[in-house]
């Protein structure tokens, strides 16, 4: 008798999990149709990313780069990998 009770509880739990999963997928699909995407917003706006790229490509009179990635990151208050990630997505000027 006890074994059958646990099998019934397991079946109910499995059914509830399937319902939650279905509702989640439906909610994500509805959000996509409204133009929403998941994940965090970019740390830099497109304008900031262009400025970061210009700073990265700027050279001094001796031909060396004027700003390091660390300096650019400190200027925008982000980490170095964030700067590299944004530089990789922008087209070269």
PDB file of N, CA and C in Angstrom:
ATOM      1  N   UNK A   1       0.816  -1.190   0.000  1.00  0.00           N
ATOM      2  CA  UNK A   1       0.000   0.000   0.000  1.00  0.00           C
ATOM      3  C   UNK A   1       0.862   1.257   0.000  1.00  0.00           C
ATOM      4  N   UNK A   2       1.933   1.267   0.813  1.00  0.00           N
ATOM      5  CA  UNK A   2       2.818   2.429   0.901  1.00  0.00           C
ATOM      6  C   UNK A   2       3.552   2.689  -0.397  1.00  0.00           C
ATOM      7  N   UNK A   3       3.927   1.609  -1.085  1.00  0.00           N
ATOM      8  CA  UNK A   3       4.663   1.756  -2.342  1.00  0.00           C
ATOM      9  C   UNK A   3       3.780   2.408  -3.412  1.00  0.00           C
ATOM     10  N   UNK A   4       2.530   2.029  -3.454  1.00  0.00           N
ATOM     11  CA  UNK A   4       1.608   2.592  -4.429  1.00  0.00           C
ATOM     12  C   UNK A   4       1.380   4.087  -4.142  1.00  0.00           C
ATOM     13  N   UNK A   5       1.331   4.445  -2.865  1.00  0.00           N
ATOM     14  CA  UNK A   5       1.160   5.844  -2.487  1.00  0.00           C
ATOM     15  C   UNK A   5       2.315   6.693  -3.019  1.00  0.00           C
ATOM     16  N   UNK A   6       3.547   6.220  -2.877  1.00  0.00           N
ATOM     17  CA  UNK A   6       4.709   6.965  -3.343  1.00  0.00           C
ATOM     18  C   UNK A   6       4.768   7.027  -4.861  1.00  0.00           C
ATOM     19  N   UNK A   7       4.286   5.988  -5.527  1.00  0.00           N
ATOM     20  CA  UNK A   7       4.223   6.019  -6.991  1.00  0.00           C
ATOM     21  C   UNK A   7       3.224   7.077  -7.458  1.00  0.00           C
ATOM     22  N   UNK A   8       2.119   7.187  -6.771  1.00  0.00           N
ATOM     23  CA  UNK A   8       1.118   8.203  -7.133  1.00  0.00           C
ATOM     24  C   UNK A   8       1.688   9.596  -6.895  1.00  0.00           C
ATOM     25  N   UNK A   9       2.363   9.798  -5.752  1.00  0.00           N
ATOM     26  CA  UNK A   9       2.981  11.090  -5.471  1.00  0.00           C
ATOM     27  C   UNK A   9       4.044  11.425  -6.520  1.00  0.00           C
ATOM     28  N   UNK A  10       4.810  10.437  -6.915  1.00  0.00           N
ATOM     29  CA  UNK A  10       5.828  10.654  -7.951  1.00  0.00           C
ATOM     30  C   UNK A  10       5.198  11.048  -9.275  1.00  0.00           C
ATOM     31  N   UNK A  11       4.101  10.409  -9.621  1.00  0.00           N
ATOM     32  CA  UNK A  11       3.413  10.747 -10.869  1.00  0.00           C
ATOM     33  C   UNK A  11       2.860  12.167 -10.831  1.00  0.00           C
ATOM     34  N   UNK A  12       2.304  12.560  -9.697  1.00  0.00           N
ATOM     35  CA  UNK A  12       1.772  13.922  -9.559  1.00  0.00           C
ATOM     36  C   UNK A  12       2.905  14.943  -9.658  1.00  0.00           C
ATOM     37  N   UNK A  13       4.035  14.654  -9.020  1.00  0.00           N
ATOM     38  CA  UNK A  13       5.178  15.567  -9.071  1.00  0.00           C
ATOM     39  C   UNK A  13       5.708  15.688 -10.503  1.00  0.00           C
ATOM     40  N   UNK A  14       5.778  14.583 -11.204  1.00  0.00           N
ATOM     41  CA  UNK A  14       6.247  14.600 -12.593  1.00  0.00           C
ATOM     42  C   UNK A  14       5.297  15.406 -13.473  1.00  0.00           C
ATOM     43  N   UNK A  15       3.999  15.252 -13.264  1.00  0.00           N
ATOM     44  CA  UNK A  15       3.001  16.003 -14.022  1.00  0.00           C
ATOM     45  C   UNK A  15       3.130  17.502 -13.744  1.00  0.00           C
ATOM     46  N   UNK A  16       3.293  17.875 -12.479  1.00  0.00           N
ATOM     47  CA  UNK A  16       3.436  19.289 -12.110  1.00  0.00           C
ATOM     48  C   UNK A  16       4.704  19.879 -12.733  1.00  0.00           C
ATOM     49  N   UNK A  17       5.782  19.116 -12.760  1.00  0.00           N
ATOM     50  CA  UNK A  17       7.024  19.573 -13.386  1.00  0.00           C
ATOM     51  C   UNK A  17       6.814  19.826 -14.868  1.00  0.00           C
ATOM     52  N   UNK A  18       6.091  18.945 -15.528  1.00  0.00           N
ATOM     53  CA  UNK A  18       5.811  19.127 -16.961  1.00  0.00           C
ATOM     54  C   UNK A  18       4.972  20.381 -17.193  1.00  0.00           C
ATOM     55  N   UNK A  19       4.007  20.647 -16.307  1.00  0.00           N
ATOM     56  CA  UNK A  19       3.193  21.862 -16.432  1.00  0.00           C
ATOM     57  C   UNK A  19       4.039  23.126 -16.252  1.00  0.00           C
ATOM     58  N   UNK A  20       4.914  23.124 -15.256  1.00  0.00           N
ATOM     59  CA  UNK A  20       5.773  24.290 -15.021  1.00  0.00           C
ATOM     60  C   UNK A  20       6.695  24.528 -16.212  1.00  0.00           C
ATOM     61  N   UNK A  21       7.248  23.465 -16.748  1.00  0.00           N
ATOM     62  CA  UNK A  21       8.133  23.576 -17.901  1.00  0.00           C
ATOM     63  C   UNK A  21       7.390  24.138 -19.109  1.00  0.00           C
ATOM     64  N   UNK A  22       6.187  23.666 -19.333  1.00  0.00           N
ATOM     65  CA  UNK A  22       5.373  24.145 -20.459  1.00  0.00           C
ATOM     66  C   UNK A  22       5.035  25.624 -20.296  1.00  0.00           C
ATOM     67  N   UNK A  23       4.678  26.036 -19.072  1.00  0.00           N
ATOM     68  CA  UNK A  23       4.364  27.453 -18.829  1.00  0.00           C
ATOM     69  C   UNK A  23       5.589  28.328 -19.035  1.00  0.00           C
ATOM     70  N   UNK A  24       6.752  27.840 -18.624  1.00  0.00           N
ATOM     71  CA  UNK A  24       7.986  28.601 -18.806  1.00  0.00           C
ATOM     72  C   UNK A  24       8.280  28.799 -20.281  1.00  0.00           C
ATOM     73  N   UNK A  25       8.172  27.731 -21.063  1.00  0.00           N
ATOM     74  CA  UNK A  25       8.427  27.833 -22.509  1.00  0.00           C
ATOM     75  C   UNK A  25       7.416  28.761 -23.175  1.00  0.00           C
ATOM     76  N   UNK A  26       6.160  28.693 -22.757  1.00  0.00           N
ATOM     77  CA  UNK A  26       5.144  29.589 -23.319  1.00  0.00           C
ATOM     78  C   UNK A  26       5.450  31.045 -22.980  1.00  0.00           C
ATOM     79  N   UNK A  27       5.869  31.300 -21.749  1.00  0.00           N
ATOM     80  CA  UNK A  27       6.209  32.660 -21.336  1.00  0.00           C
ATOM     81  C   UNK A  27       7.394  33.208 -22.097  1.00  0.00           C
ATOM     82  N   UNK A  28       8.422  32.386 -22.305  1.00  0.00           N
ATOM     83  CA  UNK A  28       9.593  32.822 -23.075  1.00  0.00           C
ATOM     84  C   UNK A  28       9.231  33.107 -24.525  1.00  0.00           C
ATOM     85  N   UNK A  29       8.376  32.268 -25.105  1.00  0.00           N
ATOM     86  CA  UNK A  29       7.943  32.487 -26.489  1.00  0.00           C
ATOM     87  C   UNK A  29       7.140  33.778 -26.598  1.00  0.00           C
ATOM     88  N   UNK A  30       6.275  34.041 -25.631  1.00  0.00           N
ATOM     89  CA  UNK A  30       5.493  35.280 -25.652  1.00  0.00           C
ATOM     90  C   UNK A  30       6.404  36.496 -25.499  1.00  0.00           C
ATOM     91  N   UNK A  31       7.422  36.394 -24.660  1.00  0.00           N
ATOM     92  CA  UNK A  31       8.362  37.507 -24.488  1.00  0.00           C
ATOM     93  C   UNK A  31       9.144  37.765 -25.771  1.00  0.00           C
ATOM     94  N   UNK A  32       9.536  36.697 -26.455  1.00  0.00           N
ATOM     95  CA  UNK A  32      10.268  36.871 -27.722  1.00  0.00           C
ATOM     96  C   UNK A  32       9.409  37.562 -28.772  1.00  0.00           C
ATOM     97  N   UNK A  33       8.114  37.242 -28.809  1.00  0.00           N
ATOM     98  CA  UNK A  33       7.241  37.894 -29.792  1.00  0.00           C
ATOM     99  C   UNK A  33       7.070  39.373 -29.461  1.00  0.00           C
ATOM    100  N   UNK A  34       7.223  39.751 -28.191  1.00  0.00           N
ATOM    101  CA  UNK A  34       7.153  41.159 -27.809  1.00  0.00           C
ATOM    102  C   UNK A  34       8.491  41.856 -27.999  1.00  0.00           C
ATOM    103  N   UNK A  35       9.499  41.126 -28.465  1.00  0.00           N
ATOM    104  CA  UNK A  35      10.806  41.726 -28.722  1.00  0.00           C
ATOM    105  C   UNK A  35      11.756  41.700 -27.546  1.00  0.00           C
ATOM    106  N   UNK A  36      11.428  40.968 -26.515  1.00  0.00           N
ATOM    107  CA  UNK A  36      12.293  40.892 -25.343  1.00  0.00           C
ATOM    108  C   UNK A  36      13.274  39.738 -25.508  1.00  0.00           C
ATOM    109  N   UNK A  37      14.491  39.950 -25.065  1.00  0.00           N
ATOM    110  CA  UNK A  37      15.479  38.876 -25.070  1.00  0.00           C
ATOM    111  C   UNK A  37      15.975  38.675 -23.648  1.00  0.00           C
ATOM    112  N   UNK A  38      16.566  37.563 -23.393  1.00  0.00           N
ATOM    113  CA  UNK A  38      17.063  37.270 -22.061  1.00  0.00           C
ATOM    114  C   UNK A  38      18.463  37.820 -21.855  1.00  0.00           C
ATOM    115  N   UNK A  39      18.924  37.705 -20.656  1.00  0.00           N
ATOM    116  CA  UNK A  39      20.275  38.129 -20.327  1.00  0.00           C
ATOM    117  C   UNK A  39      20.354  39.571 -19.858  1.00  0.00           C
ATOM    118  N   UNK A  40      21.559  39.952 -19.466  1.00  0.00           N
ATOM    119  CA  UNK A  40      21.787  41.306 -18.991  1.00  0.00           C
ATOM    120  C   UNK A  40      21.909  42.287 -20.142  1.00  0.00           C
ATOM    121  N   UNK A  41      21.673  43.539 -19.836  1.00  0.00           N
ATOM    122  CA  UNK A  41      21.868  44.585 -20.827  1.00  0.00           C
ATOM    123  C   UNK A  41      23.368  44.791 -21.005  1.00  0.00           C
ATOM    124  N   UNK A  42      23.801  45.224 -22.196  1.00  0.00           N
ATOM    125  CA  UNK A  42      25.235  45.476 -22.399  1.00  0.00           C
ATOM    126  C   UNK A  42      25.741  46.540 -21.419  1.00  0.00           C
ATOM    127  N   UNK A  43      26.961  46.376 -20.959  1.00  0.00           N
ATOM    128  CA  UNK A  43      27.545  47.320 -20.011  1.00  0.00           C
ATOM    129  C   UNK A  43      27.844  48.667 -20.664  1.00  0.00           C
ATOM    130  N   UNK A  44      28.162  48.643 -21.950  1.00  0.00           N
ATOM    131  CA  UNK A  44      28.450  49.883 -22.670  1.00  0.00           C
ATOM    132  C   UNK A  44      27.383  50.113 -23.730  1.00  0.00           C
ATOM    133  N   UNK A  45      26.947  51.350 -23.841  1.00  0.00           N
ATOM    134  CA  UNK A  45      26.018  51.724 -24.908  1.00  0.00           C
ATOM    135  C   UNK A  45      26.796  51.740 -26.226  1.00  0.00           C
ATOM    136  N   UNK A  46      26.108  51.673 -27.364  1.00  0.00           N
ATOM    137  CA  UNK A  46      26.827  51.693 -28.643  1.00  0.00           C
ATOM    138  C   UNK A  46      27.750  52.906 -28.797  1.00  0.00           C
ATOM    139  N   UNK A  47      27.296  54.046 -28.315  1.00  0.00           N
ATOM    140  CA  UNK A  47      28.134  55.256 -28.401  1.00  0.00           C
ATOM    141  C   UNK A  47      29.397  55.099 -27.553  1.00  0.00           C
ATOM    142  N   UNK A  48      29.255  54.565 -26.359  1.00  0.00           N
ATOM    143  CA  UNK A  48      30.413  54.342 -25.489  1.00  0.00           C
ATOM    144  C   UNK A  48      31.368  53.336 -26.096  1.00  0.00           C
ATOM    145  N   UNK A  49      30.836  52.307 -26.740  1.00  0.00           N
ATOM    146  CA  UNK A  49      31.687  51.298 -27.369  1.00  0.00           C
ATOM    147  C   UNK A  49      32.496  51.917 -28.507  1.00  0.00           C
ATOM    148  N   UNK A  50      31.879  52.823 -29.267  1.00  0.00           N
ATOM    149  CA  UNK A  50      32.618  53.495 -30.347  1.00  0.00           C
ATOM    150  C   UNK A  50      33.721  54.379 -29.781  1.00  0.00           C
ATOM    151  N   UNK A  51      33.428  55.078 -28.694  1.00  0.00           N
ATOM    152  CA  UNK A  51      34.447  55.915 -28.059  1.00  0.00           C
ATOM    153  C   UNK A  51      35.585  55.053 -27.536  1.00  0.00           C
ATOM    154  N   UNK A  52      35.252  53.910 -26.939  1.00  0.00           N
ATOM    155  CA  UNK A  52      36.280  52.986 -26.447  1.00  0.00           C
ATOM    156  C   UNK A  52      37.154  52.495 -27.598  1.00  0.00           C
ATOM    157  N   UNK A  53      36.524  52.202 -28.736  1.00  0.00           N
ATOM    158  CA  UNK A  53      37.298  51.753 -29.897  1.00  0.00           C
ATOM    159  C   UNK A  53      38.219  52.865 -30.394  1.00  0.00           C
ATOM    160  N   UNK A  54      37.715  54.098 -30.429  1.00  0.00           N
ATOM    161  CA  UNK A  54      38.556  55.220 -30.865  1.00  0.00           C
ATOM    162  C   UNK A  54      39.724  55.413 -29.910  1.00  0.00           C
ATOM    163  N   UNK A  55      39.479  55.292 -28.624  1.00  0.00           N
ATOM    164  CA  UNK A  55      40.562  55.405 -27.644  1.00  0.00           C
ATOM    165  C   UNK A  55      41.578  54.287 -27.834  1.00  0.00           C
ATOM    166  N   UNK A  56      41.084  53.085 -28.119  1.00  0.00           N
ATOM    167  CA  UNK A  56      41.966  51.934 -28.292  1.00  0.00           C
ATOM    168  C   UNK A  56      42.862  52.093 -29.523  1.00  0.00           C
ATOM    169  N   UNK A  57      42.316  52.696 -30.583  1.00  0.00           N
ATOM    170  CA  UNK A  57      43.071  52.845 -31.832  1.00  0.00           C
ATOM    171  C   UNK A  57      43.908  54.115 -31.882  1.00  0.00           C
ATOM    172  N   UNK A  58      43.722  55.029 -30.932  1.00  0.00           N
ATOM    173  CA  UNK A  58      44.447  56.302 -30.944  1.00  0.00           C
ATOM    174  C   UNK A  58      45.928  56.087 -30.637  1.00  0.00           C
ATOM    175  N   UNK A  59      46.769  56.683 -31.478  1.00  0.00           N
ATOM    176  CA  UNK A  59      48.216  56.557 -31.292  1.00  0.00           C
ATOM    177  C   UNK A  59      48.829  57.916 -31.031  1.00  0.00           C
ATOM    178  N   UNK A  60      49.936  57.906 -30.337  1.00  0.00           N
ATOM    179  CA  UNK A  60      50.655  59.135 -30.025  1.00  0.00           C
ATOM    180  C   UNK A  60      51.619  59.482 -31.148  1.00  0.00           C
ATOM    181  N   UNK A  61      52.397  60.541 -30.963  1.00  0.00           N
ATOM    182  CA  UNK A  61      53.349  60.961 -32.006  1.00  0.00           C
ATOM    183  C   UNK A  61      54.458  59.934 -32.252  1.00  0.00           C
ATOM    184  N   UNK A  62      54.714  59.089 -31.260  1.00  0.00           N
ATOM    185  CA  UNK A  62      55.747  58.064 -31.420  1.00  0.00           C
ATOM    186  C   UNK A  62      55.212  56.781 -32.057  1.00  0.00           C
ATOM    187  N   UNK A  63      53.914  56.745 -32.385  1.00  0.00           N
ATOM    188  CA  UNK A  63      53.323  55.578 -33.037  1.00  0.00           C
ATOM    189  C   UNK A  63      52.803  54.530 -32.080  1.00  0.00           C
ATOM    190  N   UNK A  64      52.999  54.736 -30.782  1.00  0.00           N
ATOM    191  CA  UNK A  64      52.513  53.776 -29.786  1.00  0.00           C
ATOM    192  C   UNK A  64      51.088  54.135 -29.383  1.00  0.00           C
ATOM    193  N   UNK A  65      50.369  53.139 -28.891  1.00  0.00           N
ATOM    194  CA  UNK A  65      49.002  53.369 -28.437  1.00  0.00           C
ATOM    195  C   UNK A  65      49.004  54.316 -27.242  1.00  0.00           C
ATOM    196  N   UNK A  66      48.052  55.236 -27.230  1.00  0.00           N
ATOM    197  CA  UNK A  66      47.994  56.224 -26.145  1.00  0.00           C
ATOM    198  C   UNK A  66      47.344  55.658 -24.890  1.00  0.00           C
ATOM    199  N   UNK A  67      46.365  54.763 -25.054  1.00  0.00           N
ATOM    200  CA  UNK A  67      45.623  54.234 -23.920  1.00  0.00           C
ATOM    201  C   UNK A  67      45.741  52.711 -23.880  1.00  0.00           C
ATOM    202  N   UNK A  68      45.908  52.192 -22.684  1.00  0.00           N
ATOM    203  CA  UNK A  68      45.876  50.742 -22.511  1.00  0.00           C
ATOM    204  C   UNK A  68      44.430  50.331 -22.291  1.00  0.00           C
ATOM    205  N   UNK A  69      44.171  49.051 -22.427  1.00  0.00           N
ATOM    206  CA  UNK A  69      42.818  48.543 -22.189  1.00  0.00           C
ATOM    207  C   UNK A  69      42.431  48.780 -20.730  1.00  0.00           C
ATOM    208  N   UNK A  70      43.387  48.687 -19.826  1.00  0.00           N
ATOM    209  CA  UNK A  70      43.105  48.942 -18.419  1.00  0.00           C
ATOM    210  C   UNK A  70      42.639  50.382 -18.204  1.00  0.00           C
ATOM    211  N   UNK A  71      43.288  51.321 -18.875  1.00  0.00           N
ATOM    212  CA  UNK A  71      42.897  52.726 -18.744  1.00  0.00           C
ATOM    213  C   UNK A  71      41.498  52.962 -19.327  1.00  0.00           C
ATOM    214  N   UNK A  72      41.220  52.361 -20.460  1.00  0.00           N
ATOM    215  CA  UNK A  72      39.900  52.513 -21.087  1.00  0.00           C
ATOM    216  C   UNK A  72      38.824  51.919 -20.179  1.00  0.00           C
ATOM    217  N   UNK A  73      39.113  50.745 -19.634  1.00  0.00           N
ATOM    218  CA  UNK A  73      38.149  50.086 -18.747  1.00  0.00           C
ATOM    219  C   UNK A  73      37.894  50.950 -17.509  1.00  0.00           C
ATOM    220  N   UNK A  74      38.946  51.530 -16.952  1.00  0.00           N
ATOM    221  CA  UNK A  74      38.780  52.389 -15.776  1.00  0.00           C
ATOM    222  C   UNK A  74      37.961  53.631 -16.131  1.00  0.00           C
ATOM    223  N   UNK A  75      38.147  54.160 -17.303  1.00  0.00           N
ATOM    224  CA  UNK A  75      37.403  55.345 -17.739  1.00  0.00           C
ATOM    225  C   UNK A  75      35.893  55.078 -17.787  1.00  0.00           C
ATOM    226  N   UNK A  76      35.505  53.886 -18.231  1.00  0.00           N
ATOM    227  CA  UNK A  76      34.089  53.550 -18.358  1.00  0.00           C
ATOM    228  C   UNK A  76      33.540  52.784 -17.148  1.00  0.00           C
ATOM    229  N   UNK A  77      34.414  52.442 -16.208  1.00  0.00           N
ATOM    230  CA  UNK A  77      33.965  51.734 -15.009  1.00  0.00           C
ATOM    231  C   UNK A  77      33.569  50.288 -15.259  1.00  0.00           C
ATOM    232  N   UNK A  78      34.269  49.628 -16.187  1.00  0.00           N
ATOM    233  CA  UNK A  78      34.001  48.224 -16.497  1.00  0.00           C
ATOM    234  C   UNK A  78      35.311  47.446 -16.402  1.00  0.00           C
ATOM    235  N   UNK A  79      35.257  46.149 -16.643  1.00  0.00           N
ATOM    236  CA  UNK A  79      36.462  45.325 -16.601  1.00  0.00           C
ATOM    237  C   UNK A  79      37.099  45.243 -17.981  1.00  0.00           C
ATOM    238  N   UNK A  80      38.334  44.787 -18.018  1.00  0.00           N
ATOM    239  CA  UNK A  80      39.058  44.645 -19.290  1.00  0.00           C
ATOM    240  C   UNK A  80      38.361  43.667 -20.246  1.00  0.00           C
ATOM    241  N   UNK A  81      37.895  42.494 -19.772  1.00  0.00           N
ATOM    242  CA  UNK A  81      37.204  41.599 -20.700  1.00  0.00           C
ATOM    243  C   UNK A  81      35.985  42.245 -21.352  1.00  0.00           C
ATOM    244  N   UNK A  82      35.306  43.147 -20.633  1.00  0.00           N
ATOM    245  CA  UNK A  82      34.156  43.834 -21.215  1.00  0.00           C
ATOM    246  C   UNK A  82      34.610  44.695 -22.388  1.00  0.00           C
ATOM    247  N   UNK A  83      35.722  45.394 -22.234  1.00  0.00           N
ATOM    248  CA  UNK A  83      36.244  46.225 -23.323  1.00  0.00           C
ATOM    249  C   UNK A  83      36.618  45.346 -24.509  1.00  0.00           C
ATOM    250  N   UNK A  84      37.337  44.263 -24.263  1.00  0.00           N
ATOM    251  CA  UNK A  84      37.715  43.361 -25.352  1.00  0.00           C
ATOM    252  C   UNK A  84      36.480  42.806 -26.066  1.00  0.00           C
ATOM    253  N   UNK A  85      35.448  42.438 -25.307  1.00  0.00           N
ATOM    254  CA  UNK A  85      34.231  41.886 -25.892  1.00  0.00           C
ATOM    255  C   UNK A  85      33.553  42.921 -26.797  1.00  0.00           C
ATOM    256  N   UNK A  86      33.482  44.170 -26.353  1.00  0.00           N
ATOM    257  CA  UNK A  86      32.857  45.214 -27.169  1.00  0.00           C
ATOM    258  C   UNK A  86      33.720  45.563 -28.380  1.00  0.00           C
ATOM    259  N   UNK A  87      35.041  45.521 -28.228  1.00  0.00           N
ATOM    260  CA  UNK A  87      35.917  45.803 -29.365  1.00  0.00           C
ATOM    261  C   UNK A  87      35.789  44.727 -30.439  1.00  0.00           C
ATOM    262  N   UNK A  88      35.566  43.496 -30.019  1.00  0.00           N
ATOM    263  CA  UNK A  88      35.460  42.400 -30.972  1.00  0.00           C
ATOM    264  C   UNK A  88      34.170  42.470 -31.780  1.00  0.00           C
ATOM    265  N   UNK A  89      33.113  43.071 -31.218  1.00  0.00           N
ATOM    266  CA  UNK A  89      31.842  43.121 -31.917  1.00  0.00           C
ATOM    267  C   UNK A  89      31.707  44.329 -32.842  1.00  0.00           C
ATOM    268  N   UNK A  90      32.571  45.336 -32.673  1.00  0.00           N
ATOM    269  CA  UNK A  90      32.482  46.526 -33.517  1.00  0.00           C
ATOM    270  C   UNK A  90      33.268  46.328 -34.804  1.00  0.00           C
ATOM    271  N   UNK A  91      32.795  46.892 -35.918  1.00  0.00           N
ATOM    272  CA  UNK A  91      33.572  46.828 -37.155  1.00  0.00           C
ATOM    273  C   UNK A  91      34.802  47.734 -37.040  1.00  0.00           C
ATOM    274  N   UNK A  92      35.892  47.316 -37.633  1.00  0.00           N
ATOM    275  CA  UNK A  92      37.118  48.114 -37.608  1.00  0.00           C
ATOM    276  C   UNK A  92      36.942  49.385 -38.423  1.00  0.00           C
ATOM    277  N   UNK A  93      37.507  50.461 -37.903  1.00  0.00           N
ATOM    278  CA  UNK A  93      37.396  51.744 -38.614  1.00  0.00           C
ATOM    279  C   UNK A  93      38.615  52.001 -39.460  1.00  0.00           C
TER     280      UNK A  93
END
